[in-house]
N, C-alpha and C. Protein backbone atom coordinates (compact mmCIF):
# COMPACT_ATOMS: atom_id res chain seq x y z
N MET A 1 98.83 119.25 119.47
CA MET A 1 98.48 117.87 119.10
C MET A 1 97.49 117.83 117.93
N ALA A 2 96.51 118.75 117.99
CA ALA A 2 95.51 118.80 116.91
C ALA A 2 96.17 119.14 115.58
N SER A 3 97.13 120.07 115.62
CA SER A 3 97.78 120.46 114.37
C SER A 3 98.60 119.30 113.80
N CYS A 4 99.22 118.49 114.71
CA CYS A 4 99.97 117.31 114.25
C CYS A 4 99.03 116.32 113.56
N ASN A 5 97.84 116.14 114.16
CA ASN A 5 96.86 115.24 113.56
C ASN A 5 96.42 115.73 112.18
N ASN A 6 96.24 117.06 112.07
CA ASN A 6 95.85 117.64 110.79
C ASN A 6 96.92 117.42 109.73
N ILE A 7 98.19 117.60 110.14
CA ILE A 7 99.31 117.40 109.22
C ILE A 7 99.35 115.94 108.77
N HIS A 8 99.16 115.01 109.75
CA HIS A 8 99.16 113.58 109.44
C HIS A 8 98.04 113.24 108.46
N GLN A 9 96.85 113.83 108.70
CA GLN A 9 95.71 113.57 107.81
C GLN A 9 95.98 114.09 106.41
N GLU A 10 96.62 115.26 106.30
CA GLU A 10 96.96 115.82 104.99
C GLU A 10 97.94 114.92 104.24
N GLU A 11 98.90 114.33 104.99
CA GLU A 11 99.88 113.44 104.37
C GLU A 11 99.20 112.20 103.81
N ILE A 12 98.22 111.66 104.56
CA ILE A 12 97.48 110.49 104.11
C ILE A 12 96.71 110.83 102.83
N THR A 13 96.04 112.02 102.85
CA THR A 13 95.26 112.44 101.69
C THR A 13 96.16 112.59 100.46
N LYS A 14 97.35 113.19 100.67
CA LYS A 14 98.26 113.40 99.55
C LYS A 14 98.77 112.08 98.99
N SER A 15 99.04 111.11 99.87
CA SER A 15 99.63 109.85 99.41
C SER A 15 98.58 108.87 98.88
N GLU A 16 97.32 109.11 99.17
CA GLU A 16 96.28 108.19 98.73
C GLU A 16 95.19 108.94 97.96
N PRO A 17 95.43 109.20 96.68
CA PRO A 17 94.40 109.88 95.90
C PRO A 17 93.15 109.03 95.77
N THR A 18 92.01 109.68 95.65
CA THR A 18 90.76 108.96 95.47
C THR A 18 90.71 108.38 94.06
N PRO A 19 89.84 107.40 93.83
CA PRO A 19 89.70 106.87 92.48
C PRO A 19 89.36 107.95 91.45
N LEU A 20 88.56 108.94 91.83
CA LEU A 20 88.23 110.01 90.90
C LEU A 20 89.47 110.85 90.57
N GLN A 21 90.31 111.11 91.57
CA GLN A 21 91.56 111.82 91.31
C GLN A 21 92.47 110.99 90.40
N LYS A 22 92.55 109.69 90.66
CA LYS A 22 93.36 108.81 89.81
C LYS A 22 92.85 108.82 88.37
N HIS A 23 91.55 108.91 88.22
CA HIS A 23 90.91 108.94 86.91
C HIS A 23 91.43 110.10 86.06
N VAL A 24 91.69 111.25 86.70
CA VAL A 24 92.13 112.43 85.94
C VAL A 24 93.64 112.67 85.98
N MET A 25 94.34 112.02 86.90
CA MET A 25 95.78 112.30 87.07
C MET A 25 96.60 111.95 85.83
N PHE A 26 96.14 111.05 85.02
CA PHE A 26 96.83 110.71 83.78
C PHE A 26 97.06 111.95 82.92
N PHE A 27 96.11 112.87 82.95
CA PHE A 27 96.17 114.06 82.11
C PHE A 27 97.04 115.17 82.73
N ASP A 28 97.48 114.98 83.95
CA ASP A 28 98.40 115.94 84.59
C ASP A 28 99.82 115.58 84.13
N ILE A 29 100.15 115.98 82.91
CA ILE A 29 101.38 115.54 82.25
C ILE A 29 102.63 115.88 83.06
N ASP A 30 102.68 117.09 83.62
CA ASP A 30 103.88 117.48 84.38
C ASP A 30 103.76 117.18 85.87
N ASN A 31 102.66 116.50 86.27
CA ASN A 31 102.49 116.02 87.64
C ASN A 31 102.57 117.13 88.70
N ASN A 32 101.97 118.28 88.39
CA ASN A 32 102.00 119.40 89.35
C ASN A 32 100.65 119.65 90.01
N GLY A 33 99.68 118.76 89.77
CA GLY A 33 98.36 118.90 90.40
C GLY A 33 97.40 119.78 89.63
N ILE A 34 97.85 120.30 88.48
CA ILE A 34 97.01 121.16 87.65
C ILE A 34 97.02 120.64 86.22
N ILE A 35 95.83 120.57 85.63
CA ILE A 35 95.71 120.09 84.25
C ILE A 35 95.26 121.25 83.36
N TYR A 36 96.10 121.61 82.41
CA TYR A 36 95.78 122.67 81.45
C TYR A 36 95.24 122.04 80.18
N PRO A 37 94.56 122.82 79.33
CA PRO A 37 93.99 122.25 78.10
C PRO A 37 95.01 121.53 77.23
N TRP A 38 96.23 122.06 77.14
CA TRP A 38 97.23 121.40 76.30
C TRP A 38 97.65 120.05 76.88
N GLU A 39 97.52 119.89 78.21
CA GLU A 39 97.82 118.60 78.82
C GLU A 39 96.68 117.61 78.53
N THR A 40 95.46 118.11 78.59
CA THR A 40 94.31 117.26 78.25
C THR A 40 94.44 116.79 76.80
N TYR A 41 94.83 117.72 75.93
CA TYR A 41 95.04 117.38 74.52
C TYR A 41 96.12 116.30 74.38
N GLN A 42 97.25 116.50 75.04
CA GLN A 42 98.34 115.52 74.97
C GLN A 42 97.90 114.16 75.48
N GLY A 43 97.13 114.17 76.59
CA GLY A 43 96.64 112.92 77.16
C GLY A 43 95.76 112.16 76.19
N PHE A 44 94.85 112.87 75.52
CA PHE A 44 93.98 112.23 74.55
C PHE A 44 94.77 111.69 73.36
N ARG A 45 95.79 112.41 72.94
CA ARG A 45 96.62 111.91 71.84
C ARG A 45 97.37 110.65 72.27
N LYS A 46 97.83 110.63 73.52
CA LYS A 46 98.58 109.46 74.02
C LYS A 46 97.73 108.19 74.04
N ILE A 47 96.42 108.34 74.22
CA ILE A 47 95.56 107.15 74.29
C ILE A 47 94.99 106.79 72.92
N GLY A 48 95.42 107.51 71.87
CA GLY A 48 95.04 107.13 70.52
C GLY A 48 93.94 107.95 69.89
N SER A 49 93.51 109.04 70.51
CA SER A 49 92.48 109.89 69.91
C SER A 49 93.06 110.68 68.75
N ASN A 50 92.24 110.95 67.77
CA ASN A 50 92.71 111.76 66.65
C ASN A 50 92.83 113.23 67.07
N ILE A 51 93.42 114.02 66.22
CA ILE A 51 93.69 115.43 66.54
C ILE A 51 92.39 116.19 66.82
N PHE A 52 91.37 115.97 65.99
CA PHE A 52 90.11 116.70 66.16
C PHE A 52 89.45 116.40 67.50
N LEU A 53 89.28 115.10 67.81
CA LEU A 53 88.65 114.72 69.08
C LEU A 53 89.47 115.22 70.26
N SER A 54 90.78 115.12 70.17
CA SER A 54 91.65 115.57 71.27
C SER A 54 91.50 117.07 71.51
N PHE A 55 91.41 117.82 70.42
CA PHE A 55 91.26 119.28 70.53
C PHE A 55 89.91 119.65 71.14
N VAL A 56 88.85 119.07 70.59
CA VAL A 56 87.50 119.37 71.09
C VAL A 56 87.36 118.96 72.56
N ALA A 57 87.86 117.78 72.90
CA ALA A 57 87.78 117.29 74.28
C ALA A 57 88.53 118.21 75.24
N SER A 58 89.70 118.67 74.83
CA SER A 58 90.50 119.53 75.72
C SER A 58 89.78 120.84 76.01
N ILE A 59 89.13 121.41 74.99
CA ILE A 59 88.39 122.67 75.19
C ILE A 59 87.16 122.41 76.06
N PHE A 60 86.38 121.41 75.69
CA PHE A 60 85.14 121.10 76.39
C PHE A 60 85.39 120.75 77.86
N ILE A 61 86.36 119.89 78.11
CA ILE A 61 86.63 119.42 79.47
C ILE A 61 87.19 120.54 80.35
N ASN A 62 88.21 121.22 79.87
CA ASN A 62 88.82 122.26 80.71
C ASN A 62 87.90 123.46 80.91
N PHE A 63 87.17 123.84 79.88
CA PHE A 63 86.22 124.94 80.02
C PHE A 63 85.13 124.57 81.02
N GLY A 64 84.66 123.32 80.96
CA GLY A 64 83.58 122.89 81.83
C GLY A 64 83.97 122.66 83.29
N LEU A 65 85.23 122.25 83.52
CA LEU A 65 85.63 121.85 84.87
C LEU A 65 86.50 122.87 85.62
N SER A 66 87.12 123.78 84.91
CA SER A 66 88.09 124.67 85.54
C SER A 66 87.50 125.46 86.72
N ARG A 67 86.43 126.20 86.48
CA ARG A 67 85.86 127.03 87.55
C ARG A 67 85.42 126.20 88.76
N LYS A 68 84.85 125.03 88.49
CA LYS A 68 84.33 124.18 89.57
C LYS A 68 85.44 123.69 90.49
N THR A 69 86.62 123.44 89.95
CA THR A 69 87.71 122.89 90.76
C THR A 69 88.59 123.97 91.38
N ARG A 70 88.20 125.23 91.21
CA ARG A 70 89.00 126.34 91.75
C ARG A 70 88.13 127.25 92.60
N PRO A 71 87.52 126.71 93.66
CA PRO A 71 86.61 127.52 94.48
C PRO A 71 87.33 128.71 95.11
N GLY A 72 86.65 129.86 95.07
CA GLY A 72 87.21 131.07 95.67
C GLY A 72 88.22 131.79 94.81
N LYS A 73 88.52 131.24 93.65
CA LYS A 73 89.49 131.88 92.75
C LYS A 73 88.75 132.46 91.56
N GLY A 74 89.32 133.50 91.01
CA GLY A 74 88.72 134.12 89.83
C GLY A 74 88.93 133.25 88.60
N PRO A 75 88.18 133.55 87.54
CA PRO A 75 88.35 132.78 86.31
C PRO A 75 89.73 132.97 85.70
N SER A 76 90.22 131.94 85.04
CA SER A 76 91.52 132.00 84.37
C SER A 76 91.33 131.65 82.91
N LEU A 77 91.92 132.44 82.03
CA LEU A 77 91.83 132.18 80.59
C LEU A 77 92.63 130.95 80.18
N LEU A 78 93.44 130.41 81.11
CA LEU A 78 94.19 129.18 80.84
C LEU A 78 93.37 127.93 81.18
N PHE A 79 92.21 128.14 81.83
CA PHE A 79 91.29 127.06 82.18
C PHE A 79 91.96 125.88 82.87
N PRO A 80 92.69 126.12 83.97
CA PRO A 80 93.31 125.01 84.69
C PRO A 80 92.29 124.21 85.49
N ILE A 81 92.53 122.93 85.62
CA ILE A 81 91.73 122.05 86.48
C ILE A 81 92.62 121.62 87.63
N GLU A 82 92.15 121.81 88.86
CA GLU A 82 92.92 121.40 90.03
C GLU A 82 92.51 119.98 90.43
N VAL A 83 93.47 119.08 90.32
CA VAL A 83 93.20 117.65 90.56
C VAL A 83 92.66 117.41 91.96
N LYS A 84 93.21 118.09 92.96
CA LYS A 84 92.79 117.84 94.35
C LYS A 84 91.31 118.16 94.57
N ASN A 85 90.76 119.04 93.75
CA ASN A 85 89.36 119.45 93.91
C ASN A 85 88.43 118.85 92.87
N ILE A 86 88.86 117.80 92.20
CA ILE A 86 88.07 117.26 91.08
C ILE A 86 86.69 116.77 91.55
N LYS A 87 86.56 116.41 92.80
CA LYS A 87 85.25 115.96 93.30
C LYS A 87 84.20 117.06 93.17
N LEU A 88 84.64 118.33 93.17
CA LEU A 88 83.71 119.46 93.05
C LEU A 88 83.14 119.57 91.64
N ALA A 89 83.76 118.88 90.69
CA ALA A 89 83.31 118.94 89.30
C ALA A 89 82.37 117.79 88.94
N LYS A 90 82.03 116.96 89.94
CA LYS A 90 81.08 115.87 89.67
C LYS A 90 79.77 116.46 89.18
N HIS A 91 79.24 115.91 88.10
CA HIS A 91 78.01 116.46 87.53
C HIS A 91 76.82 115.58 87.85
N THR A 92 75.65 116.13 87.65
CA THR A 92 74.41 115.41 87.86
C THR A 92 74.13 114.49 86.67
N SER A 93 73.10 113.70 86.77
CA SER A 93 72.72 112.73 85.73
C SER A 93 73.83 111.73 85.43
N ASP A 94 74.65 111.44 86.45
CA ASP A 94 75.73 110.47 86.26
C ASP A 94 75.31 109.11 86.83
N SER A 95 76.23 108.17 86.80
CA SER A 95 75.92 106.80 87.24
C SER A 95 75.95 106.63 88.75
N GLY A 96 76.58 107.59 89.47
CA GLY A 96 76.70 107.48 90.92
C GLY A 96 77.81 106.56 91.36
N VAL A 97 78.65 106.10 90.42
CA VAL A 97 79.73 105.19 90.78
C VAL A 97 80.80 105.89 91.63
N TYR A 98 80.98 107.18 91.42
CA TYR A 98 81.80 107.98 92.33
C TYR A 98 80.86 108.68 93.31
N ASP A 99 81.17 108.60 94.61
CA ASP A 99 80.35 109.33 95.57
C ASP A 99 80.80 110.79 95.63
N SER A 100 80.23 111.56 96.54
CA SER A 100 80.51 113.00 96.59
C SER A 100 81.96 113.32 96.95
N GLU A 101 82.69 112.33 97.49
CA GLU A 101 84.11 112.53 97.82
C GLU A 101 85.03 111.96 96.74
N GLY A 102 84.45 111.38 95.70
CA GLY A 102 85.26 110.81 94.63
C GLY A 102 85.68 109.38 94.88
N ARG A 103 85.03 108.72 95.84
CA ARG A 103 85.33 107.32 96.12
C ARG A 103 84.48 106.40 95.24
N PHE A 104 85.01 105.22 94.98
CA PHE A 104 84.34 104.24 94.12
C PHE A 104 83.26 103.52 94.91
N VAL A 105 82.05 103.43 94.33
CA VAL A 105 80.92 102.75 94.97
C VAL A 105 80.63 101.48 94.16
N GLN A 106 81.06 100.34 94.69
CA GLN A 106 80.96 99.06 93.98
C GLN A 106 79.53 98.72 93.58
N GLU A 107 78.57 98.97 94.48
CA GLU A 107 77.17 98.62 94.21
C GLU A 107 76.64 99.37 92.99
N LYS A 108 77.00 100.65 92.89
CA LYS A 108 76.54 101.46 91.76
C LYS A 108 77.20 101.01 90.46
N PHE A 109 78.45 100.58 90.56
CA PHE A 109 79.13 100.07 89.38
C PHE A 109 78.43 98.80 88.88
N GLU A 110 78.15 97.87 89.78
CA GLU A 110 77.48 96.62 89.40
C GLU A 110 76.10 96.90 88.82
N GLU A 111 75.45 97.95 89.34
CA GLU A 111 74.11 98.32 88.90
C GLU A 111 74.07 98.67 87.41
N ILE A 112 75.15 99.27 86.91
CA ILE A 112 75.22 99.61 85.48
C ILE A 112 74.93 98.37 84.65
N PHE A 113 75.52 97.26 85.04
CA PHE A 113 75.42 96.03 84.24
C PHE A 113 74.20 95.20 84.59
N THR A 114 73.83 95.16 85.87
CA THR A 114 72.63 94.39 86.22
C THR A 114 71.37 95.03 85.63
N LYS A 115 71.36 96.35 85.53
CA LYS A 115 70.18 97.04 85.02
C LYS A 115 70.17 97.17 83.50
N HIS A 116 71.34 97.34 82.90
CA HIS A 116 71.36 97.76 81.50
C HIS A 116 72.03 96.77 80.53
N ALA A 117 72.88 95.87 81.02
CA ALA A 117 73.56 94.93 80.12
C ALA A 117 72.67 93.71 79.90
N ARG A 118 71.73 93.82 78.97
CA ARG A 118 70.74 92.76 78.77
C ARG A 118 71.23 91.64 77.84
N SER A 119 71.95 92.01 76.79
CA SER A 119 72.38 91.00 75.82
C SER A 119 73.62 90.24 76.27
N ASN A 120 74.45 90.91 77.09
CA ASN A 120 75.67 90.30 77.62
C ASN A 120 75.90 90.90 79.00
N GLY A 121 75.86 90.09 80.02
CA GLY A 121 75.95 90.60 81.40
C GLY A 121 77.24 91.35 81.73
N ASN A 122 78.26 91.17 80.89
CA ASN A 122 79.55 91.80 81.16
C ASN A 122 79.95 92.84 80.13
N ALA A 123 78.96 93.41 79.43
CA ALA A 123 79.28 94.43 78.43
C ALA A 123 78.01 95.20 78.07
N LEU A 124 78.22 96.39 77.51
CA LEU A 124 77.12 97.23 77.05
C LEU A 124 77.19 97.40 75.54
N THR A 125 76.05 97.26 74.89
CA THR A 125 75.95 97.61 73.47
C THR A 125 75.73 99.11 73.37
N ALA A 126 75.78 99.65 72.16
CA ALA A 126 75.53 101.07 71.95
C ALA A 126 74.12 101.44 72.42
N GLN A 127 73.13 100.58 72.11
CA GLN A 127 71.75 100.85 72.50
C GLN A 127 71.59 100.80 74.02
N GLU A 128 72.23 99.81 74.65
CA GLU A 128 72.14 99.70 76.11
C GLU A 128 72.79 100.89 76.80
N LEU A 129 73.87 101.39 76.22
CA LEU A 129 74.52 102.59 76.74
C LEU A 129 73.58 103.79 76.65
N ASP A 130 72.91 103.93 75.51
CA ASP A 130 71.93 105.02 75.34
C ASP A 130 70.80 104.89 76.36
N ASP A 131 70.34 103.67 76.57
CA ASP A 131 69.26 103.43 77.54
C ASP A 131 69.70 103.81 78.95
N MET A 132 70.96 103.49 79.30
CA MET A 132 71.48 103.84 80.61
C MET A 132 71.53 105.36 80.79
N LEU A 133 72.01 106.05 79.75
CA LEU A 133 72.11 107.50 79.82
C LEU A 133 70.73 108.14 79.99
N LYS A 134 69.75 107.60 79.29
CA LYS A 134 68.38 108.11 79.43
C LYS A 134 67.84 107.86 80.84
N ALA A 135 68.12 106.67 81.36
CA ALA A 135 67.64 106.31 82.71
C ALA A 135 68.28 107.19 83.78
N ASN A 136 69.55 107.59 83.57
CA ASN A 136 70.25 108.41 84.57
C ASN A 136 69.92 109.89 84.47
N LYS A 137 69.33 110.31 83.36
CA LYS A 137 69.06 111.73 83.16
C LYS A 137 68.03 112.23 84.17
N GLN A 138 68.41 113.28 84.89
CA GLN A 138 67.49 113.89 85.84
C GLN A 138 66.65 114.93 85.12
N PRO A 139 65.43 115.18 85.60
CA PRO A 139 64.55 116.15 84.93
C PRO A 139 65.20 117.53 84.84
N LYS A 140 65.05 118.17 83.70
CA LYS A 140 65.55 119.53 83.46
C LYS A 140 67.04 119.67 83.75
N ASP A 141 67.80 118.66 83.41
CA ASP A 141 69.25 118.67 83.67
C ASP A 141 70.02 118.45 82.37
N SER A 142 69.89 119.40 81.47
CA SER A 142 70.55 119.24 80.17
C SER A 142 72.07 119.29 80.30
N LYS A 143 72.59 120.14 81.21
CA LYS A 143 74.05 120.26 81.36
C LYS A 143 74.66 118.95 81.86
N GLY A 144 74.08 118.38 82.90
CA GLY A 144 74.59 117.13 83.45
C GLY A 144 74.47 116.00 82.45
N HIS A 145 73.34 115.99 81.72
CA HIS A 145 73.11 114.93 80.74
C HIS A 145 74.12 115.03 79.59
N VAL A 146 74.40 116.24 79.12
CA VAL A 146 75.37 116.42 78.04
C VAL A 146 76.77 115.99 78.50
N ALA A 147 77.11 116.31 79.75
CA ALA A 147 78.42 115.89 80.30
C ALA A 147 78.52 114.37 80.34
N ALA A 148 77.48 113.71 80.86
CA ALA A 148 77.47 112.24 80.94
C ALA A 148 77.51 111.63 79.54
N LEU A 149 76.70 112.18 78.64
CA LEU A 149 76.65 111.69 77.27
C LEU A 149 78.02 111.78 76.60
N SER A 150 78.68 112.92 76.77
CA SER A 150 80.00 113.12 76.15
C SER A 150 81.02 112.12 76.69
N GLU A 151 81.05 111.96 78.01
CA GLU A 151 82.02 111.04 78.63
C GLU A 151 81.84 109.61 78.13
N TRP A 152 80.60 109.14 78.17
CA TRP A 152 80.33 107.76 77.81
C TRP A 152 80.49 107.50 76.31
N LYS A 153 80.09 108.47 75.50
CA LYS A 153 80.21 108.29 74.04
C LYS A 153 81.68 108.27 73.61
N ILE A 154 82.51 109.12 74.23
CA ILE A 154 83.94 109.10 73.92
C ILE A 154 84.54 107.76 74.36
N LEU A 155 84.16 107.30 75.56
CA LEU A 155 84.65 106.01 76.05
C LEU A 155 84.24 104.89 75.09
N TYR A 156 82.99 104.91 74.66
CA TYR A 156 82.51 103.86 73.75
C TYR A 156 83.26 103.93 72.41
N PHE A 157 83.43 105.10 71.89
CA PHE A 157 84.12 105.30 70.60
C PHE A 157 85.56 104.77 70.66
N LEU A 158 86.24 105.05 71.77
CA LEU A 158 87.65 104.65 71.90
C LEU A 158 87.85 103.19 72.31
N CYS A 159 86.88 102.63 73.05
CA CYS A 159 87.13 101.34 73.71
C CYS A 159 86.20 100.19 73.35
N LYS A 160 85.24 100.42 72.50
CA LYS A 160 84.37 99.28 72.12
C LYS A 160 85.20 98.23 71.39
N ASP A 161 84.79 96.97 71.53
CA ASP A 161 85.52 95.91 70.85
C ASP A 161 85.00 95.73 69.42
N LYS A 162 85.50 94.73 68.70
CA LYS A 162 85.13 94.54 67.29
C LYS A 162 83.65 94.21 67.12
N ASP A 163 83.00 93.74 68.19
CA ASP A 163 81.57 93.44 68.14
C ASP A 163 80.69 94.60 68.60
N GLY A 164 81.33 95.75 68.87
CA GLY A 164 80.58 96.92 69.32
C GLY A 164 80.18 96.87 70.78
N LEU A 165 80.93 96.10 71.58
CA LEU A 165 80.62 95.98 73.01
C LEU A 165 81.61 96.76 73.85
N LEU A 166 81.10 97.45 74.85
CA LEU A 166 81.94 98.12 75.84
C LEU A 166 81.98 97.22 77.07
N LYS A 167 83.12 96.57 77.27
CA LYS A 167 83.20 95.51 78.28
C LYS A 167 83.34 96.06 79.70
N LYS A 168 82.87 95.24 80.62
CA LYS A 168 82.83 95.61 82.03
C LYS A 168 84.22 95.91 82.59
N ASP A 169 85.22 95.12 82.21
CA ASP A 169 86.56 95.35 82.76
C ASP A 169 87.14 96.68 82.26
N ILE A 170 86.76 97.10 81.07
CA ILE A 170 87.19 98.40 80.54
C ILE A 170 86.56 99.52 81.36
N VAL A 171 85.26 99.40 81.60
CA VAL A 171 84.55 100.42 82.39
C VAL A 171 85.12 100.48 83.80
N ARG A 172 85.42 99.32 84.38
CA ARG A 172 86.02 99.27 85.72
C ARG A 172 87.37 99.99 85.73
N ALA A 173 88.15 99.78 84.69
CA ALA A 173 89.47 100.41 84.60
C ALA A 173 89.37 101.93 84.45
N VAL A 174 88.28 102.40 83.82
CA VAL A 174 88.06 103.86 83.76
C VAL A 174 87.88 104.40 85.16
N TYR A 175 87.04 103.73 85.92
CA TYR A 175 86.72 104.22 87.26
C TYR A 175 87.88 104.11 88.24
N ASP A 176 88.73 103.09 88.11
CA ASP A 176 89.84 102.99 89.07
C ASP A 176 91.08 103.75 88.62
N GLY A 177 91.00 104.36 87.43
CA GLY A 177 92.09 105.23 86.98
C GLY A 177 93.20 104.52 86.23
N SER A 178 93.04 103.24 85.92
CA SER A 178 94.13 102.50 85.27
C SER A 178 94.00 102.43 83.75
N LEU A 179 92.83 102.71 83.21
CA LEU A 179 92.60 102.50 81.77
C LEU A 179 93.49 103.36 80.89
N PHE A 180 93.62 104.64 81.22
CA PHE A 180 94.36 105.54 80.33
C PHE A 180 95.83 105.14 80.23
N GLU A 181 96.42 104.72 81.34
CA GLU A 181 97.81 104.26 81.31
C GLU A 181 97.95 103.02 80.42
N GLN A 182 96.98 102.10 80.54
CA GLN A 182 96.99 100.88 79.70
C GLN A 182 96.90 101.25 78.22
N MET A 183 95.99 102.19 77.91
CA MET A 183 95.79 102.60 76.52
C MET A 183 97.04 103.28 75.96
N ALA A 184 97.68 104.11 76.79
CA ALA A 184 98.90 104.81 76.35
C ALA A 184 100.01 103.81 76.06
N LYS A 185 100.13 102.77 76.91
CA LYS A 185 101.15 101.74 76.68
C LYS A 185 100.88 100.97 75.39
N GLU A 186 99.61 100.67 75.15
CA GLU A 186 99.24 99.95 73.92
C GLU A 186 99.56 100.79 72.68
N GLN A 187 99.28 102.09 72.76
CA GLN A 187 99.58 102.98 71.63
C GLN A 187 101.08 103.07 71.39
N GLN A 188 101.84 103.13 72.48
CA GLN A 188 103.30 103.19 72.37
C GLN A 188 103.84 101.90 71.73
N ALA A 189 103.28 100.78 72.14
CA ALA A 189 103.71 99.48 71.58
C ALA A 189 103.39 99.41 70.09
N LYS A 190 102.23 99.93 69.68
CA LYS A 190 101.84 99.94 68.27
C LYS A 190 102.81 100.78 67.45
N LYS A 191 103.19 101.94 68.01
CA LYS A 191 104.12 102.83 67.30
C LYS A 191 105.48 102.15 67.12
N LYS A 192 105.96 101.50 68.20
CA LYS A 192 107.25 100.80 68.11
C LYS A 192 107.21 99.69 67.07
N LYS A 193 106.10 98.96 67.06
CA LYS A 193 105.94 97.86 66.10
C LYS A 193 105.93 98.40 64.67
N PHE A 194 105.23 99.52 64.49
CA PHE A 194 105.14 100.13 63.16
C PHE A 194 106.52 100.61 62.69
N ILE A 195 107.25 101.26 63.60
CA ILE A 195 108.58 101.77 63.27
C ILE A 195 109.53 100.63 62.93
N SER A 196 109.49 99.56 63.73
CA SER A 196 110.40 98.44 63.51
C SER A 196 110.08 97.67 62.23
N SER A 197 108.80 97.69 61.81
CA SER A 197 108.42 96.95 60.60
C SER A 197 108.58 97.78 59.33
N SER A 198 108.81 99.08 59.46
CA SER A 198 108.94 99.93 58.27
C SER A 198 110.40 100.20 57.90
């Protein structure tokens, strides 16, 4: 009976990925539960990143997360990231919006804007984003701070609006895992429009 319960629990876990898993699943191009650097690169290109940013991000992300998501396994020169273990790659000096299991914490998400969005309650300016990153930085935690800085700066670079604001609904979509799919669809639509008009 216990083994049946364990099997049932595993089925639930497989069918219901956490928000943190959803956040990274976009980059699992072949949907096999493992993300390689070339998949990270392809994912960044799909959302509109240039070749340089896509290349740098793929190296930085896979190099930084591979070992953490593969507990008990030796290092791999292919730097794979295992989606099921992505919670193990959570870094310090972050916003706390994902808990230790990779679940979304609504209160922490709202806190980003109640504490730091001073000029517009539903968006962050570049300066407010910097202030948030400084506030979240833990003492003597350069690695966690660099990881948080990289994530947020890339998000701001790719998603700020014409007024330089990073809107709340965009940030929410990052956390629930829907943003990258939306961005990829928008890029695809732009390409189709360009092809049809040329």
